[in-house]
Amino acid sequence: PLALDAALADARTRARESSVKVCELEESCAALAIAAGRAETRAKALGERLADAERGASSTLERDALETRVKALETANERLRVGLREKSERVDALEAEVREGRRAEDSAGDAATTTETET
């Protein structure tokens, strides 16, 4: 019974810790998604300005500056997307860990109930 109680307590602790990690990662993913959306909007706006500049009579220096900014934003946006994808994968893994912890908790609880019933 003591081993089962310890296993049950351990499973509950792991499940709680994993749940907290999942919440933290979900918040982080939401923040990354917002940042990625903003970066994409800025890149699109700069791209439109660049297209306008290329059609207009703006200087080569202005066009080069806009091109550089667009490329920098596209690179930053790609990094944000990769980070978001990685965090989403981590959330999925932690959610699986939480489910496994809950299954272990249920199994330990069932075993403890069975042991108590038998004695």
N, C-alpha and C. Protein backbone atom coordinates (compact mmCIF):
# COMPACT_ATOMS: atom_id res chain seq x y z
N PRO A 1 0.81 -1.21 0.00
CA PRO A 1 0.00 0.00 0.00
C PRO A 1 0.86 1.28 0.00
N LEU A 2 1.99 1.28 0.72
CA LEU A 2 2.83 2.47 0.74
C LEU A 2 3.42 2.76 -0.64
N ALA A 3 3.82 1.71 -1.34
CA ALA A 3 4.37 1.89 -2.68
C ALA A 3 3.30 2.44 -3.62
N LEU A 4 2.07 1.96 -3.47
CA LEU A 4 0.98 2.46 -4.31
C LEU A 4 0.68 3.91 -3.98
N ASP A 5 0.69 4.24 -2.69
CA ASP A 5 0.45 5.64 -2.29
C ASP A 5 1.54 6.55 -2.87
N ALA A 6 2.78 6.08 -2.81
CA ALA A 6 3.89 6.87 -3.35
C ALA A 6 3.75 7.03 -4.86
N ALA A 7 3.38 5.95 -5.55
CA ALA A 7 3.19 6.01 -7.00
C ALA A 7 2.06 6.96 -7.36
N LEU A 8 0.99 6.90 -6.58
CA LEU A 8 -0.15 7.78 -6.81
C LEU A 8 0.24 9.24 -6.59
N ALA A 9 0.95 9.51 -5.51
CA ALA A 9 1.40 10.88 -5.23
C ALA A 9 2.34 11.37 -6.33
N ASP A 10 3.24 10.49 -6.78
CA ASP A 10 4.18 10.86 -7.84
C ASP A 10 3.43 11.16 -9.14
N ALA A 11 2.46 10.34 -9.47
CA ALA A 11 1.68 10.55 -10.70
C ALA A 11 0.92 11.87 -10.63
N ARG A 12 0.35 12.17 -9.47
CA ARG A 12 -0.38 13.43 -9.31
C ARG A 12 0.56 14.63 -9.46
N THR A 13 1.73 14.52 -8.86
CA THR A 13 2.71 15.61 -8.94
C THR A 13 3.14 15.83 -10.39
N ARG A 14 3.45 14.74 -11.09
CA ARG A 14 3.87 14.86 -12.50
C ARG A 14 2.75 15.45 -13.35
N ALA A 15 1.52 15.03 -13.09
CA ALA A 15 0.39 15.55 -13.86
C ALA A 15 0.21 17.05 -13.62
N ARG A 16 0.33 17.47 -12.36
CA ARG A 16 0.21 18.90 -12.04
C ARG A 16 1.31 19.71 -12.72
N GLU A 17 2.55 19.22 -12.61
CA GLU A 17 3.68 19.92 -13.21
C GLU A 17 3.54 20.01 -14.73
N SER A 18 3.10 18.93 -15.33
CA SER A 18 2.92 18.92 -16.78
C SER A 18 1.80 19.86 -17.19
N SER A 19 0.73 19.90 -16.40
CA SER A 19 -0.38 20.81 -16.71
C SER A 19 0.08 22.26 -16.68
N VAL A 20 0.90 22.59 -15.69
CA VAL A 20 1.43 23.96 -15.59
C VAL A 20 2.30 24.26 -16.80
N LYS A 21 3.16 23.31 -17.19
CA LYS A 21 4.03 23.52 -18.35
C LYS A 21 3.20 23.71 -19.62
N VAL A 22 2.13 22.93 -19.75
CA VAL A 22 1.26 23.05 -20.92
C VAL A 22 0.66 24.45 -20.98
N CYS A 23 0.16 24.93 -19.84
CA CYS A 23 -0.42 26.28 -19.81
C CYS A 23 0.61 27.34 -20.17
N GLU A 24 1.81 27.22 -19.61
CA GLU A 24 2.86 28.19 -19.92
C GLU A 24 3.22 28.17 -21.40
N LEU A 25 3.33 26.97 -21.97
CA LEU A 25 3.68 26.87 -23.39
C LEU A 25 2.55 27.38 -24.28
N GLU A 26 1.31 27.13 -23.87
CA GLU A 26 0.18 27.63 -24.66
C GLU A 26 0.18 29.16 -24.68
N GLU A 27 0.48 29.77 -23.51
CA GLU A 27 0.57 31.23 -23.46
C GLU A 27 1.70 31.72 -24.36
N SER A 28 2.82 31.03 -24.31
CA SER A 28 3.97 31.41 -25.13
C SER A 28 3.63 31.26 -26.62
N CYS A 29 2.93 30.19 -26.97
CA CYS A 29 2.53 29.98 -28.37
C CYS A 29 1.60 31.09 -28.83
N ALA A 30 0.67 31.48 -27.97
CA ALA A 30 -0.25 32.56 -28.33
C ALA A 30 0.52 33.85 -28.58
N ALA A 31 1.48 34.14 -27.71
CA ALA A 31 2.30 35.36 -27.88
C ALA A 31 3.11 35.29 -29.18
N LEU A 32 3.67 34.11 -29.47
CA LEU A 32 4.43 33.96 -30.71
C LEU A 32 3.54 34.10 -31.94
N ALA A 33 2.33 33.57 -31.86
CA ALA A 33 1.40 33.69 -32.99
C ALA A 33 1.06 35.15 -33.24
N ILE A 34 0.85 35.91 -32.17
CA ILE A 34 0.56 37.34 -32.32
C ILE A 34 1.76 38.05 -32.93
N ALA A 35 2.95 37.77 -32.42
CA ALA A 35 4.16 38.40 -32.95
C ALA A 35 4.36 38.04 -34.42
N ALA A 36 4.12 36.78 -34.77
CA ALA A 36 4.27 36.35 -36.17
C ALA A 36 3.27 37.07 -37.06
N GLY A 37 2.04 37.21 -36.57
CA GLY A 37 1.03 37.93 -37.34
C GLY A 37 1.41 39.38 -37.58
N ARG A 38 1.91 40.01 -36.52
CA ARG A 38 2.34 41.41 -36.66
C ARG A 38 3.51 41.55 -37.63
N ALA A 39 4.48 40.63 -37.52
CA ALA A 39 5.64 40.68 -38.42
C ALA A 39 5.20 40.47 -39.86
N GLU A 40 4.25 39.56 -40.05
CA GLU A 40 3.76 39.31 -41.40
C GLU A 40 3.04 40.54 -41.96
N THR A 41 2.27 41.19 -41.12
CA THR A 41 1.57 42.41 -41.55
C THR A 41 2.57 43.50 -41.92
N ARG A 42 3.61 43.66 -41.09
CA ARG A 42 4.63 44.67 -41.39
C ARG A 42 5.36 44.33 -42.69
N ALA A 43 5.70 43.06 -42.87
CA ALA A 43 6.40 42.65 -44.09
C ALA A 43 5.53 42.90 -45.32
N LYS A 44 4.24 42.61 -45.18
CA LYS A 44 3.33 42.83 -46.31
C LYS A 44 3.24 44.32 -46.63
N ALA A 45 3.11 45.14 -45.59
CA ALA A 45 3.03 46.59 -45.81
C ALA A 45 4.31 47.11 -46.45
N LEU A 46 5.45 46.63 -45.97
CA LEU A 46 6.72 47.07 -46.57
C LEU A 46 6.84 46.57 -48.00
N GLY A 47 6.37 45.36 -48.25
CA GLY A 47 6.39 44.83 -49.61
C GLY A 47 5.56 45.68 -50.55
N GLU A 48 4.40 46.13 -50.05
CA GLU A 48 3.55 47.00 -50.86
C GLU A 48 4.24 48.34 -51.11
N ARG A 49 4.87 48.87 -50.06
CA ARG A 49 5.62 50.13 -50.23
C ARG A 49 6.75 49.95 -51.24
N LEU A 50 7.41 48.80 -51.17
CA LEU A 50 8.50 48.52 -52.10
C LEU A 50 7.97 48.46 -53.53
N ALA A 51 6.84 47.78 -53.71
CA ALA A 51 6.25 47.69 -55.05
C ALA A 51 5.87 49.08 -55.55
N ASP A 52 5.29 49.91 -54.66
CA ASP A 52 4.96 51.29 -55.04
C ASP A 52 6.21 52.06 -55.41
N ALA A 53 7.27 51.86 -54.62
CA ALA A 53 8.53 52.57 -54.88
C ALA A 53 9.13 52.16 -56.21
N GLU A 54 9.02 50.87 -56.53
CA GLU A 54 9.57 50.39 -57.80
C GLU A 54 8.78 50.94 -58.98
N ARG A 55 7.47 51.13 -58.79
CA ARG A 55 6.65 51.70 -59.86
C ARG A 55 6.88 53.21 -59.98
N GLY A 56 7.17 53.82 -58.84
CA GLY A 56 7.34 55.28 -58.81
C GLY A 56 8.76 55.69 -59.14
N ALA A 57 9.03 56.91 -58.79
CA ALA A 57 10.34 57.47 -59.12
C ALA A 57 11.24 57.57 -57.89
N SER A 58 11.08 56.65 -56.96
CA SER A 58 11.91 56.74 -55.75
C SER A 58 13.34 56.33 -56.08
N SER A 59 14.21 56.73 -55.22
CA SER A 59 15.63 56.47 -55.47
C SER A 59 15.99 55.01 -55.23
N THR A 60 17.09 54.62 -55.80
CA THR A 60 17.61 53.26 -55.61
C THR A 60 17.91 53.02 -54.14
N LEU A 61 18.40 54.04 -53.47
CA LEU A 61 18.73 53.92 -52.05
C LEU A 61 17.48 53.60 -51.23
N GLU A 62 16.38 54.28 -51.53
CA GLU A 62 15.12 54.01 -50.82
C GLU A 62 14.64 52.59 -51.10
N ARG A 63 14.70 52.17 -52.36
CA ARG A 63 14.27 50.81 -52.71
C ARG A 63 15.14 49.77 -52.01
N ASP A 64 16.44 50.00 -52.00
CA ASP A 64 17.34 49.06 -51.33
C ASP A 64 17.04 48.97 -49.84
N ALA A 65 16.76 50.12 -49.23
CA ALA A 65 16.44 50.13 -47.79
C ALA A 65 15.15 49.36 -47.53
N LEU A 66 14.15 49.56 -48.38
CA LEU A 66 12.89 48.84 -48.23
C LEU A 66 13.10 47.34 -48.44
N GLU A 67 13.87 46.97 -49.45
CA GLU A 67 14.14 45.55 -49.70
C GLU A 67 14.82 44.91 -48.50
N THR A 68 15.77 45.62 -47.92
CA THR A 68 16.48 45.11 -46.76
C THR A 68 15.53 44.91 -45.59
N ARG A 69 14.66 45.88 -45.36
CA ARG A 69 13.70 45.75 -44.25
C ARG A 69 12.73 44.60 -44.49
N VAL A 70 12.26 44.46 -45.73
CA VAL A 70 11.34 43.36 -46.05
C VAL A 70 12.02 42.02 -45.78
N LYS A 71 13.24 41.87 -46.25
CA LYS A 71 13.97 40.61 -46.04
C LYS A 71 14.19 40.34 -44.56
N ALA A 72 14.53 41.38 -43.80
CA ALA A 72 14.74 41.21 -42.36
C ALA A 72 13.46 40.77 -41.66
N LEU A 73 12.34 41.38 -42.05
CA LEU A 73 11.06 40.99 -41.45
C LEU A 73 10.66 39.58 -41.85
N GLU A 74 10.91 39.22 -43.09
CA GLU A 74 10.59 37.86 -43.52
C GLU A 74 11.42 36.84 -42.75
N THR A 75 12.69 37.15 -42.53
CA THR A 75 13.56 36.26 -41.76
C THR A 75 13.09 36.15 -40.32
N ALA A 76 12.76 37.29 -39.72
CA ALA A 76 12.26 37.29 -38.33
C ALA A 76 10.95 36.51 -38.24
N ASN A 77 10.09 36.69 -39.23
CA ASN A 77 8.81 35.99 -39.23
C ASN A 77 9.02 34.48 -39.34
N GLU A 78 9.96 34.07 -40.16
CA GLU A 78 10.24 32.64 -40.29
C GLU A 78 10.75 32.07 -38.97
N ARG A 79 11.60 32.82 -38.29
CA ARG A 79 12.09 32.36 -36.98
C ARG A 79 10.94 32.24 -35.98
N LEU A 80 10.02 33.20 -36.03
CA LEU A 80 8.86 33.13 -35.15
C LEU A 80 8.00 31.90 -35.46
N ARG A 81 7.82 31.63 -36.74
CA ARG A 81 7.03 30.46 -37.13
C ARG A 81 7.68 29.16 -36.66
N VAL A 82 8.99 29.07 -36.81
CA VAL A 82 9.72 27.87 -36.35
C VAL A 82 9.57 27.72 -34.84
N GLY A 83 9.73 28.83 -34.12
CA GLY A 83 9.57 28.79 -32.66
C GLY A 83 8.17 28.37 -32.27
N LEU A 84 7.18 28.89 -32.97
CA LEU A 84 5.79 28.53 -32.69
C LEU A 84 5.56 27.05 -32.96
N ARG A 85 6.09 26.56 -34.06
CA ARG A 85 5.93 25.14 -34.39
C ARG A 85 6.58 24.26 -33.33
N GLU A 86 7.79 24.64 -32.90
CA GLU A 86 8.49 23.85 -31.87
C GLU A 86 7.74 23.87 -30.55
N LYS A 87 7.23 25.04 -30.17
CA LYS A 87 6.49 25.12 -28.91
C LYS A 87 5.19 24.33 -29.01
N SER A 88 4.54 24.36 -30.16
CA SER A 88 3.31 23.59 -30.34
C SER A 88 3.60 22.10 -30.20
N GLU A 89 4.72 21.66 -30.76
CA GLU A 89 5.10 20.25 -30.62
C GLU A 89 5.36 19.92 -29.15
N ARG A 90 5.99 20.84 -28.43
CA ARG A 90 6.27 20.62 -27.00
C ARG A 90 4.96 20.55 -26.21
N VAL A 91 3.99 21.41 -26.56
CA VAL A 91 2.68 21.37 -25.91
C VAL A 91 2.03 20.01 -26.13
N ASP A 92 2.08 19.53 -27.37
CA ASP A 92 1.50 18.21 -27.67
C ASP A 92 2.16 17.12 -26.83
N ALA A 93 3.49 17.17 -26.73
CA ALA A 93 4.22 16.16 -25.95
C ALA A 93 3.84 16.25 -24.47
N LEU A 94 3.73 17.46 -23.95
CA LEU A 94 3.37 17.61 -22.54
C LEU A 94 1.93 17.19 -22.28
N GLU A 95 1.04 17.47 -23.22
CA GLU A 95 -0.34 17.02 -23.06
C GLU A 95 -0.40 15.50 -23.03
N ALA A 96 0.40 14.85 -23.86
CA ALA A 96 0.47 13.38 -23.83
C ALA A 96 1.01 12.91 -22.48
N GLU A 97 2.00 13.63 -21.96
CA GLU A 97 2.57 13.28 -20.66
C GLU A 97 1.52 13.45 -19.55
N VAL A 98 0.71 14.50 -19.65
CA VAL A 98 -0.36 14.71 -18.66
C VAL A 98 -1.36 13.56 -18.74
N ARG A 99 -1.74 13.18 -19.96
CA ARG A 99 -2.69 12.06 -20.10
C ARG A 99 -2.11 10.78 -19.51
N GLU A 100 -0.82 10.54 -19.78
CA GLU A 100 -0.16 9.34 -19.25
C GLU A 100 -0.11 9.40 -17.72
N GLY A 101 0.18 10.58 -17.19
CA GLY A 101 0.21 10.75 -15.73
C GLY A 101 -1.14 10.49 -15.12
N ARG A 102 -2.18 10.95 -15.78
CA ARG A 102 -3.54 10.72 -15.27
C ARG A 102 -3.90 9.24 -15.35
N ARG A 103 -3.47 8.59 -16.43
CA ARG A 103 -3.72 7.14 -16.52
C ARG A 103 -2.99 6.41 -15.39
N ALA A 104 -1.74 6.81 -15.14
CA ALA A 104 -0.97 6.18 -14.06
C ALA A 104 -1.63 6.45 -12.71
N GLU A 105 -2.13 7.67 -12.54
CA GLU A 105 -2.82 8.02 -11.30
C GLU A 105 -4.08 7.17 -11.13
N ASP A 106 -4.84 7.03 -12.21
CA ASP A 106 -6.05 6.20 -12.15
C ASP A 106 -5.70 4.75 -11.84
N SER A 107 -4.65 4.24 -12.49
CA SER A 107 -4.23 2.85 -12.25
C SER A 107 -3.78 2.66 -10.81
N ALA A 108 -3.00 3.62 -10.30
CA ALA A 108 -2.54 3.52 -8.92
C ALA A 108 -3.72 3.61 -7.96
N GLY A 109 -4.67 4.48 -8.27
CA GLY A 109 -5.87 4.59 -7.43
C GLY A 109 -6.69 3.32 -7.46
N ASP A 110 -6.84 2.73 -8.65
CA ASP A 110 -7.58 1.47 -8.76
C ASP A 110 -6.87 0.36 -8.00
N ALA A 111 -5.55 0.31 -8.12
CA ALA A 111 -4.78 -0.72 -7.41
C ALA A 111 -4.90 -0.53 -5.91
N ALA A 112 -4.88 0.72 -5.45
CA ALA A 112 -5.01 0.99 -4.01
C ALA A 112 -6.38 0.57 -3.52
N THR A 113 -7.41 0.85 -4.31
CA THR A 113 -8.77 0.46 -3.93
C THR A 113 -8.90 -1.05 -3.88
N THR A 114 -8.33 -1.73 -4.87
CA THR A 114 -8.37 -3.19 -4.90
C THR A 114 -7.64 -3.77 -3.70
N THR A 115 -6.48 -3.21 -3.36
CA THR A 115 -5.70 -3.70 -2.22
C THR A 115 -6.46 -3.48 -0.92
N GLU A 116 -7.11 -2.31 -0.78
CA GLU A 116 -7.88 -2.04 0.43
C GLU A 116 -9.07 -2.97 0.54
N THR A 117 -9.69 -3.29 -0.59
CA THR A 117 -10.85 -4.18 -0.59
C THR A 117 -10.45 -5.59 -0.22
N GLU A 118 -9.26 -6.01 -0.67
CA GLU A 118 -8.81 -7.38 -0.40
C GLU A 118 -8.40 -7.57 1.05
N THR A 119 -7.99 -6.51 1.73
CA THR A 119 -7.52 -6.68 3.12
C THR A 119 -8.60 -6.51 4.12
